[in-house]
Amino acid sequence: MTKDELQKLFEKEQCRELAWEGNCHDCKKPTTVVARVEDDGELQITGGTIYENNPVYIKCDECYAADPRLTDSRPARLRGSPLRFKGQGPDIMP
């Protein structure tokens, strides 16, 4: 997911923090990726990486470090627990 796509999502959700929960695409362990706009405007992403591939996939930090490419992204992956997106409410808008 690009910075521009994230910015549009922050604007749509009217928030400064977004979180994606699901299983890592590679190792399948539960993973939460958090994107946050800090007070100085800097974008921080922790917990892994987000791939906008309709559906969205995530990778934990360890698997991303081992191989940043998203391979074998067949939709059959969704048969397990689907990825959930959580926006953190407008009460934290600047």
PDB file of N, CA and C in Angstrom:
ATOM      1  N   MET A   1       0.852  -1.160   0.000  1.00  0.00           N
ATOM      2  CA  MET A   1       0.000   0.000   0.000  1.00  0.00           C
ATOM      3  C   MET A   1       0.904   1.231   0.000  1.00  0.00           C
ATOM      4  N   THR A   2       0.596   2.193  -0.831  1.00  0.00           N
ATOM      5  CA  THR A   2       1.428   3.393  -0.938  1.00  0.00           C
ATOM      6  C   THR A   2       1.054   4.414   0.143  1.00  0.00           C
ATOM      7  N   LYS A   3       1.929   5.395   0.343  1.00  0.00           N
ATOM      8  CA  LYS A   3       1.638   6.464   1.292  1.00  0.00           C
ATOM      9  C   LYS A   3       0.384   7.234   0.883  1.00  0.00           C
ATOM     10  N   ASP A   4       0.222   7.466  -0.425  1.00  0.00           N
ATOM     11  CA  ASP A   4      -0.971   8.171  -0.910  1.00  0.00           C
ATOM     12  C   ASP A   4      -2.239   7.393  -0.583  1.00  0.00           C
ATOM     13  N   GLU A   5      -2.205   6.074  -0.775  1.00  0.00           N
ATOM     14  CA  GLU A   5      -3.372   5.249  -0.456  1.00  0.00           C
ATOM     15  C   GLU A   5      -3.672   5.287   1.045  1.00  0.00           C
ATOM     16  N   LEU A   6      -2.618   5.241   1.850  1.00  0.00           N
ATOM     17  CA  LEU A   6      -2.817   5.334   3.300  1.00  0.00           C
ATOM     18  C   LEU A   6      -3.399   6.694   3.683  1.00  0.00           C
ATOM     19  N   GLN A   7      -2.884   7.768   3.086  1.00  0.00           N
ATOM     20  CA  GLN A   7      -3.386   9.109   3.388  1.00  0.00           C
ATOM     21  C   GLN A   7      -4.876   9.204   3.069  1.00  0.00           C
ATOM     22  N   LYS A   8      -5.298   8.678   1.929  1.00  0.00           N
ATOM     23  CA  LYS A   8      -6.718   8.695   1.561  1.00  0.00           C
ATOM     24  C   LYS A   8      -7.544   7.909   2.575  1.00  0.00           C
ATOM     25  N   LEU A   9      -7.011   6.800   3.049  1.00  0.00           N
ATOM     26  CA  LEU A   9      -7.706   5.992   4.042  1.00  0.00           C
ATOM     27  C   LEU A   9      -7.810   6.731   5.374  1.00  0.00           C
ATOM     28  N   PHE A  10      -6.742   7.428   5.786  1.00  0.00           N
ATOM     29  CA  PHE A  10      -6.801   8.233   7.010  1.00  0.00           C
ATOM     30  C   PHE A  10      -7.879   9.310   6.877  1.00  0.00           C
ATOM     31  N   GLU A  11      -7.934   9.962   5.721  1.00  0.00           N
ATOM     32  CA  GLU A  11      -8.933  11.010   5.505  1.00  0.00           C
ATOM     33  C   GLU A  11     -10.339  10.427   5.511  1.00  0.00           C
ATOM     34  N   LYS A  12     -10.528   9.297   4.862  1.00  0.00           N
ATOM     35  CA  LYS A  12     -11.848   8.662   4.798  1.00  0.00           C
ATOM     36  C   LYS A  12     -12.320   8.260   6.192  1.00  0.00           C
ATOM     37  N   GLU A  13     -11.435   7.679   6.989  1.00  0.00           N
ATOM     38  CA  GLU A  13     -11.787   7.200   8.324  1.00  0.00           C
ATOM     39  C   GLU A  13     -11.739   8.308   9.375  1.00  0.00           C
ATOM     40  N   GLN A  14     -11.218   9.492   8.994  1.00  0.00           N
ATOM     41  CA  GLN A  14     -11.090  10.641   9.883  1.00  0.00           C
ATOM     42  C   GLN A  14     -10.386  10.245  11.184  1.00  0.00           C
ATOM     43  N   CYS A  15      -9.184   9.711  11.019  1.00  0.00           N
ATOM     44  CA  CYS A  15      -8.437   9.262  12.187  1.00  0.00           C
ATOM     45  C   CYS A  15      -6.940   9.429  11.953  1.00  0.00           C
ATOM     46  N   ARG A  16      -6.161   9.133  13.005  1.00  0.00           N
ATOM     47  CA  ARG A  16      -4.702   9.203  12.918  1.00  0.00           C
ATOM     48  C   ARG A  16      -4.059   7.844  13.111  1.00  0.00           C
ATOM     49  N   GLU A  17      -4.873   6.816  13.344  1.00  0.00           N
ATOM     50  CA  GLU A  17      -4.337   5.468  13.522  1.00  0.00           C
ATOM     51  C   GLU A  17      -5.256   4.444  12.877  1.00  0.00           C
ATOM     52  N   LEU A  18      -4.650   3.542  12.103  1.00  0.00           N
ATOM     53  CA  LEU A  18      -5.380   2.459  11.443  1.00  0.00           C
ATOM     54  C   LEU A  18      -4.686   1.154  11.788  1.00  0.00           C
ATOM     55  N   ALA A  19      -5.454   0.084  11.938  1.00  0.00           N
ATOM     56  CA  ALA A  19      -4.862  -1.212  12.264  1.00  0.00           C
ATOM     57  C   ALA A  19      -5.494  -2.292  11.401  1.00  0.00           C
ATOM     58  N   TRP A  20      -4.670  -3.221  10.951  1.00  0.00           N
ATOM     59  CA  TRP A  20      -5.117  -4.385  10.199  1.00  0.00           C
ATOM     60  C   TRP A  20      -4.765  -5.616  11.015  1.00  0.00           C
ATOM     61  N   GLU A  21      -5.740  -6.486  11.249  1.00  0.00           N
ATOM     62  CA  GLU A  21      -5.514  -7.701  12.022  1.00  0.00           C
ATOM     63  C   GLU A  21      -5.804  -8.909  11.147  1.00  0.00           C
ATOM     64  N   GLY A  22      -4.988  -9.918  11.262  1.00  0.00           N
ATOM     65  CA  GLY A  22      -5.191 -11.148  10.510  1.00  0.00           C
ATOM     66  C   GLY A  22      -3.976 -12.038  10.679  1.00  0.00           C
ATOM     67  N   ASN A  23      -3.865 -13.023   9.828  1.00  0.00           N
ATOM     68  CA  ASN A  23      -2.713 -13.920   9.865  1.00  0.00           C
ATOM     69  C   ASN A  23      -1.695 -13.480   8.823  1.00  0.00           C
ATOM     70  N   CYS A  24      -0.425 -13.593   9.191  1.00  0.00           N
ATOM     71  CA  CYS A  24       0.647 -13.279   8.255  1.00  0.00           C
ATOM     72  C   CYS A  24       0.499 -14.161   7.015  1.00  0.00           C
ATOM     73  N   HIS A  25       0.660 -13.559   5.854  1.00  0.00           N
ATOM     74  CA  HIS A  25       0.536 -14.274   4.591  1.00  0.00           C
ATOM     75  C   HIS A  25       1.473 -15.469   4.506  1.00  0.00           C
ATOM     76  N   ASP A  26       2.689 -15.333   5.059  1.00  0.00           N
ATOM     77  CA  ASP A  26       3.696 -16.385   4.919  1.00  0.00           C
ATOM     78  C   ASP A  26       3.667 -17.410   6.045  1.00  0.00           C
ATOM     79  N   CYS A  27       3.805 -16.943   7.293  1.00  0.00           N
ATOM     80  CA  CYS A  27       3.929 -17.883   8.418  1.00  0.00           C
ATOM     81  C   CYS A  27       2.596 -18.201   9.085  1.00  0.00           C
ATOM     82  N   LYS A  28       1.562 -17.445   8.737  1.00  0.00           N
ATOM     83  CA  LYS A  28       0.195 -17.653   9.239  1.00  0.00           C
ATOM     84  C   LYS A  28      -0.004 -17.289  10.701  1.00  0.00           C
ATOM     85  N   LYS A  29       0.989 -16.705  11.371  1.00  0.00           N
ATOM     86  CA  LYS A  29       0.789 -16.350  12.774  1.00  0.00           C
ATOM     87  C   LYS A  29      -0.063 -15.076  12.865  1.00  0.00           C
ATOM     88  N   PRO A  30      -0.839 -14.925  13.949  1.00  0.00           N
ATOM     89  CA  PRO A  30      -1.647 -13.717  14.118  1.00  0.00           C
ATOM     90  C   PRO A  30      -0.763 -12.475  14.076  1.00  0.00           C
ATOM     91  N   THR A  31      -1.193 -11.494  13.287  1.00  0.00           N
ATOM     92  CA  THR A  31      -0.386 -10.298  13.057  1.00  0.00           C
ATOM     93  C   THR A  31      -1.286  -9.073  13.075  1.00  0.00           C
ATOM     94  N   THR A  32      -0.796  -8.008  13.698  1.00  0.00           N
ATOM     95  CA  THR A  32      -1.477  -6.710  13.665  1.00  0.00           C
ATOM     96  C   THR A  32      -0.498  -5.688  13.122  1.00  0.00           C
ATOM     97  N   VAL A  33      -0.888  -5.021  12.051  1.00  0.00           N
ATOM     98  CA  VAL A  33      -0.080  -3.951  11.458  1.00  0.00           C
ATOM     99  C   VAL A  33      -0.787  -2.637  11.778  1.00  0.00           C
ATOM    100  N   VAL A  34      -0.056  -1.709  12.372  1.00  0.00           N
ATOM    101  CA  VAL A  34      -0.625  -0.420  12.762  1.00  0.00           C
ATOM    102  C   VAL A  34       0.069   0.687  11.977  1.00  0.00           C
ATOM    103  N   ALA A  35      -0.727   1.547  11.352  1.00  0.00           N
ATOM    104  CA  ALA A  35      -0.216   2.743  10.680  1.00  0.00           C
ATOM    105  C   ALA A  35      -0.711   3.939  11.480  1.00  0.00           C
ATOM    106  N   ARG A  36       0.212   4.820  11.827  1.00  0.00           N
ATOM    107  CA  ARG A  36      -0.120   5.944  12.697  1.00  0.00           C
ATOM    108  C   ARG A  36       0.550   7.205  12.169  1.00  0.00           C
ATOM    109  N   VAL A  37      -0.200   8.304  12.193  1.00  0.00           N
ATOM    110  CA  VAL A  37       0.364   9.609  11.872  1.00  0.00           C
ATOM    111  C   VAL A  37       0.749  10.253  13.194  1.00  0.00           C
ATOM    112  N   GLU A  38       2.045  10.498  13.372  1.00  0.00           N
ATOM    113  CA  GLU A  38       2.551  11.092  14.608  1.00  0.00           C
ATOM    114  C   GLU A  38       2.229  12.589  14.634  1.00  0.00           C
ATOM    115  N   ASP A  39       2.416  13.219  15.792  1.00  0.00           N
ATOM    116  CA  ASP A  39       2.120  14.643  15.944  1.00  0.00           C
ATOM    117  C   ASP A  39       2.896  15.517  14.975  1.00  0.00           C
ATOM    118  N   ASP A  40       4.110  15.083  14.604  1.00  0.00           N
ATOM    119  CA  ASP A  40       4.925  15.860  13.666  1.00  0.00           C
ATOM    120  C   ASP A  40       4.579  15.569  12.206  1.00  0.00           C
ATOM    121  N   GLY A  41       3.535  14.718  11.972  1.00  0.00           N
ATOM    122  CA  GLY A  41       3.104  14.389  10.617  1.00  0.00           C
ATOM    123  C   GLY A  41       3.798  13.180  10.025  1.00  0.00           C
ATOM    124  N   GLU A  42       4.792  12.645  10.738  1.00  0.00           N
ATOM    125  CA  GLU A  42       5.533  11.470  10.266  1.00  0.00           C
ATOM    126  C   GLU A  42       4.642  10.230  10.314  1.00  0.00           C
ATOM    127  N   LEU A  43       4.722   9.415   9.273  1.00  0.00           N
ATOM    128  CA  LEU A  43       3.957   8.170   9.208  1.00  0.00           C
ATOM    129  C   LEU A  43       4.785   7.046   9.806  1.00  0.00           C
ATOM    130  N   GLN A  44       4.217   6.332  10.766  1.00  0.00           N
ATOM    131  CA  GLN A  44       4.875   5.190  11.395  1.00  0.00           C
ATOM    132  C   GLN A  44       4.045   3.943  11.111  1.00  0.00           C
ATOM    133  N   ILE A  45       4.701   2.879  10.661  1.00  0.00           N
ATOM    134  CA  ILE A  45       4.037   1.600  10.445  1.00  0.00           C
ATOM    135  C   ILE A  45       4.770   0.567  11.279  1.00  0.00           C
ATOM    136  N   THR A  46       4.044  -0.139  12.141  1.00  0.00           N
ATOM    137  CA  THR A  46       4.651  -1.131  13.011  1.00  0.00           C
ATOM    138  C   THR A  46       3.917  -2.461  12.886  1.00  0.00           C
ATOM    139  N   GLY A  47       4.629  -3.517  13.170  1.00  0.00           N
ATOM    140  CA  GLY A  47       4.025  -4.849  13.207  1.00  0.00           C
ATOM    141  C   GLY A  47       4.111  -5.625  11.917  1.00  0.00           C
ATOM    142  N   GLY A  48       4.436  -4.959  10.810  1.00  0.00           N
ATOM    143  CA  GLY A  48       4.523  -5.662   9.539  1.00  0.00           C
ATOM    144  C   GLY A  48       4.275  -4.756   8.355  1.00  0.00           C
ATOM    145  N   THR A  49       3.783  -5.345   7.284  1.00  0.00           N
ATOM    146  CA  THR A  49       3.574  -4.645   6.020  1.00  0.00           C
ATOM    147  C   THR A  49       2.190  -4.962   5.475  1.00  0.00           C
ATOM    148  N   ILE A  50       1.589  -3.983   4.791  1.00  0.00           N
ATOM    149  CA  ILE A  50       0.256  -4.118   4.211  1.00  0.00           C
ATOM    150  C   ILE A  50       0.393  -4.212   2.698  1.00  0.00           C
ATOM    151  N   TYR A  51      -0.264  -5.198   2.098  1.00  0.00           N
ATOM    152  CA  TYR A  51      -0.288  -5.343   0.640  1.00  0.00           C
ATOM    153  C   TYR A  51      -1.721  -5.154   0.171  1.00  0.00           C
ATOM    154  N   GLU A  52      -1.945  -4.130  -0.638  1.00  0.00           N
ATOM    155  CA  GLU A  52      -3.259  -3.874  -1.220  1.00  0.00           C
ATOM    156  C   GLU A  52      -3.355  -4.689  -2.486  1.00  0.00           C
ATOM    157  N   ASN A  53      -4.009  -5.826  -2.388  1.00  0.00           N
ATOM    158  CA  ASN A  53      -4.040  -6.742  -3.523  1.00  0.00           C
ATOM    159  C   ASN A  53      -5.450  -7.261  -3.752  1.00  0.00           C
ATOM    160  N   ASN A  54      -6.415  -6.653  -3.135  1.00  0.00           N
ATOM    161  CA  ASN A  54      -7.827  -7.010  -3.229  1.00  0.00           C
ATOM    162  C   ASN A  54      -8.059  -8.511  -3.284  1.00  0.00           C
ATOM    163  N   PRO A  55      -8.014  -9.198  -2.179  1.00  0.00           N
ATOM    164  CA  PRO A  55      -8.089  -8.657  -0.828  1.00  0.00           C
ATOM    165  C   PRO A  55      -6.744  -8.165  -0.321  1.00  0.00           C
ATOM    166  N   VAL A  56      -6.781  -7.503   0.828  1.00  0.00           N
ATOM    167  CA  VAL A  56      -5.571  -7.014   1.479  1.00  0.00           C
ATOM    168  C   VAL A  56      -4.878  -8.174   2.175  1.00  0.00           C
ATOM    169  N   TYR A  57      -3.551  -8.222   2.082  1.00  0.00           N
ATOM    170  CA  TYR A  57      -2.749  -9.206   2.787  1.00  0.00           C
ATOM    171  C   TYR A  57      -1.769  -8.471   3.672  1.00  0.00           C
ATOM    172  N   ILE A  58      -1.347  -9.111   4.761  1.00  0.00           N
ATOM    173  CA  ILE A  58      -0.324  -8.538   5.613  1.00  0.00           C
ATOM    174  C   ILE A  58       0.788  -9.560   5.827  1.00  0.00           C
ATOM    175  N   LYS A  59       1.976  -9.034   6.102  1.00  0.00           N
ATOM    176  CA  LYS A  59       3.123  -9.867   6.466  1.00  0.00           C
ATOM    177  C   LYS A  59       3.674  -9.339   7.776  1.00  0.00           C
ATOM    178  N   CYS A  60       4.067 -10.247   8.675  1.00  0.00           N
ATOM    179  CA  CYS A  60       4.713  -9.816   9.914  1.00  0.00           C
ATOM    180  C   CYS A  60       6.111  -9.284   9.567  1.00  0.00           C
ATOM    181  N   ASP A  61       6.712  -8.577  10.513  1.00  0.00           N
ATOM    182  CA  ASP A  61       8.040  -8.002  10.291  1.00  0.00           C
ATOM    183  C   ASP A  61       9.082  -9.060   9.935  1.00  0.00           C
ATOM    184  N   GLU A  62       9.027 -10.213  10.613  1.00  0.00           N
ATOM    185  CA  GLU A  62      10.024 -11.262  10.388  1.00  0.00           C
ATOM    186  C   GLU A  62       9.943 -11.816   8.957  1.00  0.00           C
ATOM    187  N   CYS A  63       8.730 -12.090   8.504  1.00  0.00           N
ATOM    188  CA  CYS A  63       8.577 -12.638   7.151  1.00  0.00           C
ATOM    189  C   CYS A  63       8.903 -11.598   6.087  1.00  0.00           C
ATOM    190  N   TYR A  64       8.556 -10.327   6.339  1.00  0.00           N
ATOM    191  CA  TYR A  64       8.905  -9.274   5.399  1.00  0.00           C
ATOM    192  C   TYR A  64      10.422  -9.139   5.275  1.00  0.00           C
ATOM    193  N   ALA A  65      11.127  -9.232   6.416  1.00  0.00           N
ATOM    194  CA  ALA A  65      12.588  -9.137   6.395  1.00  0.00           C
ATOM    195  C   ALA A  65      13.196 -10.304   5.615  1.00  0.00           C
ATOM    196  N   ALA A  66      12.596 -11.478   5.719  1.00  0.00           N
ATOM    197  CA  ALA A  66      13.103 -12.656   5.010  1.00  0.00           C
ATOM    198  C   ALA A  66      12.832 -12.574   3.513  1.00  0.00           C
ATOM    199  N   ASP A  67      11.651 -12.039   3.122  1.00  0.00           N
ATOM    200  CA  ASP A  67      11.286 -11.922   1.704  1.00  0.00           C
ATOM    201  C   ASP A  67      10.165 -10.902   1.573  1.00  0.00           C
ATOM    202  N   PRO A  68      10.464  -9.684   1.112  1.00  0.00           N
ATOM    203  CA  PRO A  68       9.448  -8.642   1.019  1.00  0.00           C
ATOM    204  C   PRO A  68       8.418  -8.844  -0.100  1.00  0.00           C
ATOM    205  N   ARG A  69       8.683  -9.796  -0.975  1.00  0.00           N
ATOM    206  CA  ARG A  69       7.754 -10.014  -2.087  1.00  0.00           C
ATOM    207  C   ARG A  69       6.506 -10.758  -1.607  1.00  0.00           C
ATOM    208  N   LEU A  70       5.369 -10.422  -2.203  1.00  0.00           N
ATOM    209  CA  LEU A  70       4.132 -11.152  -1.941  1.00  0.00           C
ATOM    210  C   LEU A  70       3.981 -12.178  -3.056  1.00  0.00           C
ATOM    211  N   THR A  71       4.083 -13.447  -2.701  1.00  0.00           N
ATOM    212  CA  THR A  71       3.972 -14.510  -3.693  1.00  0.00           C
ATOM    213  C   THR A  71       2.806 -15.419  -3.335  1.00  0.00           C
ATOM    214  N   ASP A  72       2.305 -16.134  -4.312  1.00  0.00           N
ATOM    215  CA  ASP A  72       1.229 -17.085  -4.087  1.00  0.00           C
ATOM    216  C   ASP A  72       0.063 -16.432  -3.358  1.00  0.00           C
ATOM    217  N   SER A  73      -0.427 -15.318  -3.895  1.00  0.00           N
ATOM    218  CA  SER A  73      -1.484 -14.560  -3.230  1.00  0.00           C
ATOM    219  C   SER A  73      -2.867 -14.937  -3.751  1.00  0.00           C
ATOM    220  N   ARG A  74      -3.113 -16.226  -3.817  1.00  0.00           N
ATOM    221  CA  ARG A  74      -4.418 -16.686  -4.269  1.00  0.00           C
ATOM    222  C   ARG A  74      -5.488 -16.419  -3.211  1.00  0.00           C
ATOM    223  N   PRO A  75      -6.708 -16.059  -3.615  1.00  0.00           N
ATOM    224  CA  PRO A  75      -7.776 -15.770  -2.664  1.00  0.00           C
ATOM    225  C   PRO A  75      -8.129 -16.934  -1.739  1.00  0.00           C
ATOM    226  N   ALA A  76      -7.709 -18.160  -2.029  1.00  0.00           N
ATOM    227  CA  ALA A  76      -8.009 -19.295  -1.155  1.00  0.00           C
ATOM    228  C   ALA A  76      -7.517 -19.048   0.263  1.00  0.00           C
ATOM    229  N   ARG A  77      -6.575 -18.177   0.433  1.00  0.00           N
ATOM    230  CA  ARG A  77      -6.061 -17.823   1.748  1.00  0.00           C
ATOM    231  C   ARG A  77      -7.180 -17.365   2.680  1.00  0.00           C
ATOM    232  N   LEU A  78      -8.253 -16.840   2.138  1.00  0.00           N
ATOM    233  CA  LEU A  78      -9.340 -16.304   2.946  1.00  0.00           C
ATOM    234  C   LEU A  78     -10.202 -17.374   3.600  1.00  0.00           C
ATOM    235  N   ARG A  79      -9.975 -18.633   3.301  1.00  0.00           N
ATOM    236  CA  ARG A  79     -10.783 -19.679   3.916  1.00  0.00           C
ATOM    237  C   ARG A  79     -10.583 -19.749   5.423  1.00  0.00           C
ATOM    238  N   GLY A  80      -9.429 -19.307   5.901  1.00  0.00           N
ATOM    239  CA  GLY A  80      -9.173 -19.287   7.343  1.00  0.00           C
ATOM    240  C   GLY A  80      -9.879 -18.094   7.968  1.00  0.00           C
ATOM    241  N   SER A  81      -9.158 -17.355   8.761  1.00  0.00           N
ATOM    242  CA  SER A  81      -9.747 -16.158   9.346  1.00  0.00           C
ATOM    243  C   SER A  81      -9.415 -14.970   8.453  1.00  0.00           C
ATOM    244  N   PRO A  82     -10.433 -14.301   7.926  1.00  0.00           N
ATOM    245  CA  PRO A  82     -10.194 -13.182   7.017  1.00  0.00           C
ATOM    246  C   PRO A  82      -9.562 -11.997   7.735  1.00  0.00           C
ATOM    247  N   LEU A  83      -8.889 -11.177   6.975  1.00  0.00           N
ATOM    248  CA  LEU A  83      -8.242  -9.985   7.487  1.00  0.00           C
ATOM    249  C   LEU A  83      -9.308  -8.983   7.905  1.00  0.00           C
ATOM    250  N   ARG A  84      -9.110  -8.355   9.056  1.00  0.00           N
ATOM    251  CA  ARG A  84     -10.032  -7.331   9.520  1.00  0.00           C
ATOM    252  C   ARG A  84      -9.300  -6.004   9.589  1.00  0.00           C
ATOM    253  N   PHE A  85     -10.023  -4.939   9.288  1.00  0.00           N
ATOM    254  CA  PHE A  85      -9.470  -3.583   9.353  1.00  0.00           C
ATOM    255  C   PHE A  85     -10.174  -2.847  10.481  1.00  0.00           C
ATOM    256  N   LYS A  86      -9.419  -2.158  11.319  1.00  0.00           N
ATOM    257  CA  LYS A  86      -9.995  -1.374  12.400  1.00  0.00           C
ATOM    258  C   LYS A  86      -9.499   0.054  12.295  1.00  0.00           C
ATOM    259  N   GLY A  87     -10.403   1.005  12.164  1.00  0.00           N
ATOM    260  CA  GLY A  87     -10.039   2.418  12.247  1.00  0.00           C
ATOM    261  C   GLY A  87     -10.209   2.889  13.669  1.00  0.00           C
ATOM    262  N   GLN A  88      -9.329   3.733  14.131  1.00  0.00           N
ATOM    263  CA  GLN A  88      -9.433   4.270  15.478  1.00  0.00           C
ATOM    264  C   GLN A  88     -10.132   5.628  15.376  1.00  0.00           C
ATOM    265  N   GLY A  89     -11.266   5.766  16.021  1.00  0.00           N
ATOM    266  CA  GLY A  89     -12.228   6.851  15.906  1.00  0.00           C
ATOM    267  C   GLY A  89     -11.748   8.269  15.699  1.00  0.00           C
ATOM    268  N   PRO A  90     -12.671   9.120  15.287  1.00  0.00           N
ATOM    269  CA  PRO A  90     -12.359  10.509  14.957  1.00  0.00           C
ATOM    270  C   PRO A  90     -11.945  11.334  16.175  1.00  0.00           C
ATOM    271  N   ASP A  91     -12.103  10.804  17.393  1.00  0.00           N
ATOM    272  CA  ASP A  91     -11.732  11.570  18.566  1.00  0.00           C
ATOM    273  C   ASP A  91     -10.240  11.828  18.657  1.00  0.00           C
ATOM    274  N   ILE A  92      -9.428  11.175  17.818  1.00  0.00           N
ATOM    275  CA  ILE A  92      -7.997  11.430  17.860  1.00  0.00           C
ATOM    276  C   ILE A  92      -7.522  12.241  16.654  1.00  0.00           C
ATOM    277  N   MET A  93      -8.466  12.842  15.951  1.00  0.00           N
ATOM    278  CA  MET A  93      -8.086  13.726  14.848  1.00  0.00           C
ATOM    279  C   MET A  93      -7.422  14.976  15.409  1.00  0.00           C
ATOM    280  N   PRO A  94      -6.502  15.575  14.658  1.00  0.00           N
ATOM    281  CA  PRO A  94      -5.851  16.809  15.144  1.00  0.00           C
ATOM    282  C   PRO A  94      -6.837  17.955  15.213  1.00  0.00           C
TER     283      PRO A  94
END
